[in-house]
Structures are given as structure tokens and as C-alpha cells.
Amino acid sequence: FLSLKPQCIEPSPGTPYDPNEFVPIYKRKGPQHAPDDMQELLLNPPKPPGSCPEGASLWLLGRHLHDPHARGLAESFNAGKWRHLKYVNFASNNISYLGFNHVMHAIADGATPLLEQLAVSDNPFGDLGASGLGMAISKGSMPNLLTLDANRCGIGDRGACAIWSALGEGHTKKMESIYLKEQQIGDEGHEAMCKAFKGGADGALPKLWHLQLGGNQLTDEGCLVMANAIEAGDLAHVRNLYVMPSPVSVDGQEVVQQTIDEMGYKQLHVFF
């Protein structure tokens, strides 16, 4: 593993990039106020960074959007104007479950069938919004989804169970990465995660190898459930599983690590 600080990284000569990508959201230069007219904004949306899929990205990061803006986005989705999208990012806004679920219903109805990356972090939609996300996944409306980025959204066990239950249905077999950092997800939500992986590489999530679940409420009891899933081979194909910081004790950490060592899963790394 190689760890690099952003200030130590420079793009190769001639590589297009957005300098904002290397700056924390609260330090970025951007709009100071929400747009007056969402439909007008969508007619000429902000230019996405060069790292986004060209011609297939909608970049609404940190635009001070609220629920009415989200409803406007959902209306635009329902009008069939964005079926070409592969990457949707409306993270770091102020969208609650009321607006968020309007967007999720539009996606569930097939508004973005090619979607590969969905970034919704730092929106306060909580468990009710997470349930809406689970509904959209369960409808099979995002079969090409590779990455779900949903950190710091106020999700607890109820919302986590909704998301993992939907992922466990097998509609997102291409999924590679999921980010659910800094929520209030406890042992129940982590157990739902283990159930979603039932069957391992032959199950519903055969390519989901990177999980970032740090900053939640995993305890030793949840670690025991995780160890049992590892022993059953359900997590054998996973590569990186981040669970810290959390209330787990050294005993809980050792139970998981000992199981990994006993099973000989050298590629599975659980970061405590």
C-alpha cells in the first residue's frame, strides 16, 4: 500500500484536471448561493472535472442545493433528458430525504440506465433517504453501477439494512466499491452487509472488493458476525474492508484477523 498526501501529487504534463479535486470541499472556490432556477442550471450545468466520463457526467457537487432543487432534478430526469449519464454527483449539498427520494424514484423508473457512479455524500437524507436508495437498487434500475459514494449522510442501521438488502438481491453484480463512512451504522447494519455477501464470488456481489465503512458503530459482537462470514467464505473475494474508527476492542479485532489467517485469505485486508 502506498499513501500519498494531496500536496505531494502533480498530474502528468498535458493531463487535464480540475485543481478543485485536490482541495477539501469547504476550501474550494465555488458558488456562494443556491441557484434561483434549477432548470436553468441544468440547461447549462457546471463543467465536470477531466477525470469524469466525458459527455456523460452531471456534476452538481457543492452547489447549495436544497429539496426544491432535487425535485427539479427529478423532473428533468423523468423527462428523459439524462439517460446517457454514467456519473452523477450531487454530493455536499443540503438535500433531505424529501428531495433525495424524488431523485431516487426517477432513477428507479429508469431515468439513468447507464449509471456507473453515484456520489451523494454529505447530504442529510438519513435512513429514509437510504431506504429510497435501496428501493432504486432493488428495482434493478442501476445494473451498471460500479461505485456508490454515500458518506456522512446520517444513515443508521435501518438505512444500512435497506441498502445492503437491496444490494444482496443481485441487481448490481458489477459493483466494485461502496463508501458509507462516518454514519451511525451499528452491528445490525454490518450483519446486513455480511448477509448481502452470502455466496461470496458466486453471490450477489462478486466484484465488490473495496468497502469503506469507517467511522461507524461496529462492536465486538459485529466482529464475531463478520468473522463467521469470513469463515464461510462469503467475504473471501473482498480486498479492502475499512472499519475504523469504531468502538471495536482489541479482542474483536483479533477475532477477525485470526479467522483471516486461519482461512489463509492473504488478499483480504480488514483495516482496524
Protein backbone atom coordinates (compact mmCIF):
# COMPACT_ATOMS: atom_id res chain seq x y z
CA PHE A 1 0.00 0.00 0.00
CA LEU A 2 1.17 3.50 -0.84
CA SER A 3 -0.15 6.55 1.00
CA LEU A 4 0.25 9.96 -0.63
CA LYS A 5 -0.71 13.41 0.58
CA PRO A 6 -2.58 15.55 -1.98
CA GLN A 7 0.08 18.26 -1.80
CA CYS A 8 2.66 15.69 -2.95
CA ILE A 9 0.78 14.85 -6.16
CA GLU A 10 1.02 16.61 -9.50
CA PRO A 11 -0.71 15.48 -12.71
CA SER A 12 1.45 14.43 -15.60
CA PRO A 13 2.27 17.19 -18.12
CA GLY A 14 -0.61 17.77 -20.50
CA THR A 15 -3.13 15.90 -18.34
CA PRO A 16 -6.43 17.81 -17.97
CA TYR A 17 -7.63 18.07 -14.40
CA ASP A 18 -9.64 20.26 -12.07
CA PRO A 19 -7.47 21.67 -9.21
CA ASN A 20 -10.60 21.61 -7.03
CA GLU A 21 -10.35 17.82 -6.97
CA PHE A 22 -7.35 18.11 -4.65
CA VAL A 23 -8.91 20.71 -2.34
CA PRO A 24 -11.34 19.93 0.53
CA ILE A 25 -14.88 20.96 -0.35
CA TYR A 26 -15.05 23.67 2.33
CA LYS A 27 -11.94 25.36 0.87
CA ARG A 28 -12.99 25.25 -2.78
CA LYS A 29 -13.88 28.25 -4.83
CA GLY A 30 -17.46 27.82 -5.87
CA PRO A 31 -20.93 29.34 -5.75
CA GLN A 32 -21.88 31.12 -2.54
CA HIS A 33 -25.63 30.76 -3.06
CA ALA A 34 -28.08 28.20 -4.38
CA PRO A 35 -29.26 28.65 -7.99
CA ASP A 36 -32.53 30.53 -8.41
CA ASP A 37 -33.75 28.28 -11.21
CA MET A 38 -32.77 24.60 -11.21
CA GLN A 39 -33.97 24.00 -14.76
CA GLU A 40 -31.85 26.90 -15.99
CA LEU A 41 -28.83 25.42 -14.21
CA LEU A 42 -29.46 22.06 -15.85
CA LEU A 43 -29.62 23.68 -19.28
CA ASN A 44 -26.00 24.73 -18.76
CA PRO A 45 -24.68 22.52 -15.95
CA PRO A 46 -21.28 23.06 -14.29
CA LYS A 47 -18.38 21.55 -16.19
CA PRO A 48 -17.22 18.32 -14.53
CA PRO A 49 -13.54 17.60 -13.80
CA GLY A 50 -11.49 15.96 -16.52
CA SER A 51 -11.50 12.69 -14.58
CA CYS A 52 -15.26 12.27 -15.13
CA PRO A 53 -16.66 10.35 -18.11
CA GLU A 54 -16.64 12.87 -20.96
CA GLY A 55 -20.08 13.85 -22.15
CA ALA A 56 -21.78 11.53 -19.67
CA SER A 57 -21.39 13.28 -16.30
CA LEU A 58 -23.62 15.57 -14.26
CA TRP A 59 -21.51 17.47 -11.71
CA LEU A 60 -23.59 19.26 -9.05
CA LEU A 61 -21.13 18.97 -6.16
CA GLY A 62 -21.41 21.70 -3.51
CA ARG A 63 -24.00 23.88 -5.27
CA HIS A 64 -26.02 24.70 -2.10
CA LEU A 65 -28.92 22.63 -3.43
CA HIS A 66 -31.99 22.01 -1.28
CA ASP A 67 -35.06 19.82 -1.63
CA PRO A 68 -36.79 22.01 -4.26
CA HIS A 69 -33.67 21.78 -6.43
CA ALA A 70 -33.68 17.99 -6.01
CA ARG A 71 -37.31 17.89 -7.14
CA GLY A 72 -36.31 19.93 -10.18
CA LEU A 73 -33.53 17.45 -10.90
CA ALA A 74 -36.01 14.58 -10.61
CA GLU A 75 -38.36 16.31 -13.05
CA SER A 76 -35.52 16.68 -15.54
CA PHE A 77 -34.64 13.01 -15.06
CA ASN A 78 -38.26 11.98 -15.61
CA ALA A 79 -38.34 14.00 -18.83
CA GLY A 80 -35.75 11.58 -20.26
CA LYS A 81 -33.01 14.18 -20.76
CA TRP A 82 -30.26 12.33 -18.91
CA ARG A 83 -30.46 8.71 -20.00
CA HIS A 84 -26.88 8.95 -21.28
CA LEU A 85 -25.38 9.65 -17.84
CA LYS A 86 -22.69 7.39 -16.40
CA TYR A 87 -21.69 9.61 -13.47
CA VAL A 88 -23.99 11.65 -11.23
CA ASN A 89 -22.54 13.73 -8.40
CA PHE A 90 -24.74 15.92 -6.20
CA ALA A 91 -22.70 15.45 -3.02
CA SER A 92 -22.09 18.19 -0.43
CA ASN A 93 -25.48 19.83 -0.67
CA ASN A 94 -28.42 20.25 1.73
CA ILE A 95 -30.84 17.68 0.36
CA SER A 96 -33.00 15.84 2.89
CA TYR A 97 -34.89 12.61 2.30
CA LEU A 98 -37.79 14.61 0.85
CA GLY A 99 -35.84 15.81 -2.16
CA PHE A 100 -33.49 12.85 -2.30
CA ASN A 101 -36.30 10.33 -2.68
CA HIS A 102 -37.75 12.28 -5.62
CA VAL A 103 -34.44 11.69 -7.41
CA MET A 104 -34.36 8.04 -6.34
CA HIS A 105 -37.87 7.44 -7.70
CA ALA A 106 -36.82 8.96 -11.03
CA ILE A 107 -33.77 6.68 -11.13
CA ALA A 108 -35.93 3.70 -10.15
CA ASP A 109 -38.18 4.48 -13.11
CA GLY A 110 -35.23 4.13 -15.49
CA ALA A 111 -34.03 7.73 -15.84
CA THR A 112 -30.32 6.78 -15.80
CA PRO A 113 -29.97 3.17 -17.04
CA LEU A 114 -26.25 3.53 -17.84
CA LEU A 115 -25.26 4.91 -14.43
CA GLU A 116 -21.88 3.65 -13.20
CA GLN A 117 -21.01 6.10 -10.40
CA LEU A 118 -23.38 7.74 -7.93
CA ALA A 119 -21.98 10.27 -5.44
CA VAL A 120 -24.40 11.61 -2.81
CA SER A 121 -22.16 12.11 0.24
CA ASP A 122 -22.71 14.93 2.72
CA ASN A 123 -26.45 15.26 2.22
CA PRO A 124 -28.64 14.87 5.35
CA PHE A 125 -31.12 12.35 3.95
CA GLY A 126 -30.68 9.78 6.73
CA ASP A 127 -32.43 6.42 6.97
CA LEU A 128 -35.49 7.49 4.99
CA GLY A 129 -33.32 8.55 2.07
CA ALA A 130 -31.24 5.38 2.36
CA SER A 131 -34.47 3.39 2.11
CA GLY A 132 -35.26 5.27 -1.11
CA LEU A 133 -31.81 4.41 -2.43
CA GLY A 134 -32.42 0.77 -1.53
CA MET A 135 -35.72 0.90 -3.41
CA ALA A 136 -33.99 2.20 -6.54
CA ILE A 137 -31.34 -0.53 -6.34
CA SER A 138 -33.99 -3.18 -5.74
CA LYS A 139 -35.86 -2.10 -8.88
CA GLY A 140 -32.82 -3.15 -10.92
CA SER A 141 -32.56 0.33 -12.41
CA MET A 142 -28.76 0.61 -11.98
CA PRO A 143 -27.36 -2.65 -13.37
CA ASN A 144 -24.06 -1.00 -14.38
CA LEU A 145 -23.36 0.64 -11.02
CA LEU A 146 -19.69 0.36 -10.06
CA THR A 147 -19.33 2.86 -7.22
CA LEU A 148 -21.67 4.21 -4.56
CA ASP A 149 -20.30 7.15 -2.58
CA ALA A 150 -22.61 7.95 0.36
CA ASN A 151 -20.50 9.17 3.28
CA ARG A 152 -21.78 11.30 6.17
CA CYS A 153 -25.48 11.17 5.36
CA GLY A 154 -26.84 10.36 8.82
CA ILE A 155 -27.55 6.72 7.97
CA GLY A 156 -28.19 4.27 10.81
CA ASP A 157 -28.94 0.56 10.94
CA ARG A 158 -32.36 0.91 9.34
CA GLY A 159 -30.98 2.68 6.29
CA ALA A 160 -27.92 0.45 6.05
CA CYS A 161 -30.10 -2.66 6.13
CA ALA A 162 -32.24 -1.23 3.32
CA ILE A 163 -29.16 -0.59 1.16
CA TRP A 164 -27.47 -3.93 1.85
CA SER A 165 -30.69 -5.90 1.48
CA ALA A 166 -31.19 -4.37 -1.97
CA LEU A 167 -27.57 -4.99 -2.98
CA GLY A 168 -27.98 -8.60 -1.87
CA GLU A 169 -30.73 -9.15 -4.42
CA GLY A 170 -28.15 -9.36 -7.20
CA HIS A 171 -29.15 -6.41 -9.40
CA THR A 172 -25.71 -4.76 -9.12
CA LYS A 173 -23.28 -7.57 -9.86
CA LYS A 174 -20.76 -5.12 -11.36
CA MET A 175 -20.42 -3.15 -8.12
CA GLU A 176 -16.76 -2.62 -7.14
CA SER A 177 -16.70 -0.01 -4.36
CA ILE A 178 -19.01 1.31 -1.69
CA TYR A 179 -18.40 4.18 0.72
CA LEU A 180 -20.56 4.52 3.85
CA LYS A 181 -18.13 6.35 6.13
CA GLU A 182 -18.98 8.29 9.28
CA GLN A 183 -22.59 7.25 9.74
CA GLN A 184 -24.37 5.71 12.75
CA ILE A 185 -24.35 2.14 11.44
CA GLY A 186 -24.09 -0.45 14.21
CA ASP A 187 -23.82 -4.22 14.38
CA GLU A 188 -27.22 -4.78 12.75
CA GLY A 189 -26.14 -2.86 9.65
CA HIS A 190 -22.82 -4.71 9.48
CA GLU A 191 -24.65 -8.03 9.80
CA ALA A 192 -26.86 -6.99 6.86
CA MET A 193 -23.64 -6.32 4.92
CA CYS A 194 -22.40 -9.84 5.64
CA LYS A 195 -25.73 -11.32 4.50
CA ALA A 196 -25.51 -9.38 1.22
CA PHE A 197 -22.21 -11.15 0.53
CA LYS A 198 -23.73 -14.60 1.00
CA GLY A 199 -22.20 -16.94 -1.54
CA GLY A 200 -19.03 -14.91 -1.96
CA ALA A 201 -17.75 -14.68 -5.53
CA ASP A 202 -20.76 -16.73 -6.68
CA GLY A 203 -23.24 -14.48 -4.88
CA ALA A 204 -24.91 -11.14 -5.46
CA LEU A 205 -21.74 -9.02 -5.17
CA PRO A 206 -18.96 -10.93 -6.93
CA LYS A 207 -16.85 -7.86 -7.76
CA LEU A 208 -17.38 -5.68 -4.68
CA TRP A 209 -13.83 -5.66 -3.36
CA HIS A 210 -13.49 -2.25 -1.68
CA LEU A 211 -15.64 -1.26 1.31
CA GLN A 212 -15.11 1.91 3.33
CA LEU A 213 -17.23 1.64 6.48
CA GLY A 214 -15.00 3.53 8.93
CA GLY A 215 -16.45 5.90 11.49
CA ASN A 216 -19.49 3.77 12.32
CA GLN A 217 -20.59 1.88 15.45
CA LEU A 218 -19.23 -1.62 14.90
CA THR A 219 -18.63 -3.50 18.18
CA ASP A 220 -17.08 -6.84 19.13
CA GLU A 221 -20.41 -8.58 18.58
CA GLY A 222 -20.47 -7.34 15.00
CA CYS A 223 -16.88 -8.51 14.57
CA LEU A 224 -17.95 -12.02 15.53
CA VAL A 225 -20.63 -11.97 12.83
CA MET A 226 -18.04 -10.71 10.36
CA ALA A 227 -15.60 -13.47 11.39
CA ASN A 228 -18.31 -16.08 10.77
CA ALA A 229 -18.94 -14.65 7.30
CA ILE A 230 -15.22 -14.77 6.55
CA GLU A 231 -15.03 -18.36 7.74
CA ALA A 232 -17.97 -19.25 5.49
CA GLY A 233 -16.10 -17.79 2.53
CA ASP A 234 -18.64 -15.03 1.90
CA LEU A 235 -16.00 -12.28 2.13
CA ALA A 236 -13.12 -14.25 0.64
CA HIS A 237 -13.07 -12.20 -2.59
CA VAL A 238 -13.05 -8.84 -0.80
CA ARG A 239 -9.73 -6.99 -0.84
CA ASN A 240 -10.06 -3.91 1.40
CA LEU A 241 -12.52 -3.52 4.27
CA TYR A 242 -12.11 -0.39 6.40
CA VAL A 243 -13.98 -0.43 9.73
CA MET A 244 -12.12 2.07 11.91
CA PRO A 245 -12.61 4.27 13.78
CA SER A 246 -15.29 2.34 15.69
CA PRO A 247 -15.92 1.06 19.24
CA VAL A 248 -14.30 -2.31 18.46
CA SER A 249 -11.88 -3.54 21.11
CA VAL A 250 -8.60 -5.34 20.54
CA ASP A 251 -10.40 -8.63 21.23
CA GLY A 252 -12.86 -8.00 18.40
CA GLN A 253 -10.05 -7.10 16.03
CA GLU A 254 -8.15 -10.26 16.89
CA VAL A 255 -11.18 -12.49 16.27
CA VAL A 256 -11.46 -11.18 12.72
CA GLN A 257 -7.73 -11.25 11.98
CA GLN A 258 -7.29 -14.75 13.39
CA THR A 259 -10.11 -16.01 11.18
CA ILE A 260 -8.50 -14.44 8.12
CA ASP A 261 -5.15 -16.03 9.00
CA GLU A 262 -6.70 -19.44 9.67
CA MET A 263 -8.55 -19.40 6.35
CA GLY A 264 -5.42 -18.27 4.51
CA TYR A 265 -7.07 -15.27 2.81
CA LYS A 266 -3.92 -13.27 2.11
CA GLN A 267 -5.74 -10.89 -0.26
CA LEU A 268 -8.40 -9.90 2.33
CA HIS A 269 -7.32 -6.90 4.39
CA VAL A 270 -9.51 -5.61 7.22
CA PHE A 271 -8.21 -2.24 8.42
CA PHE A 272 -8.82 -1.58 12.13
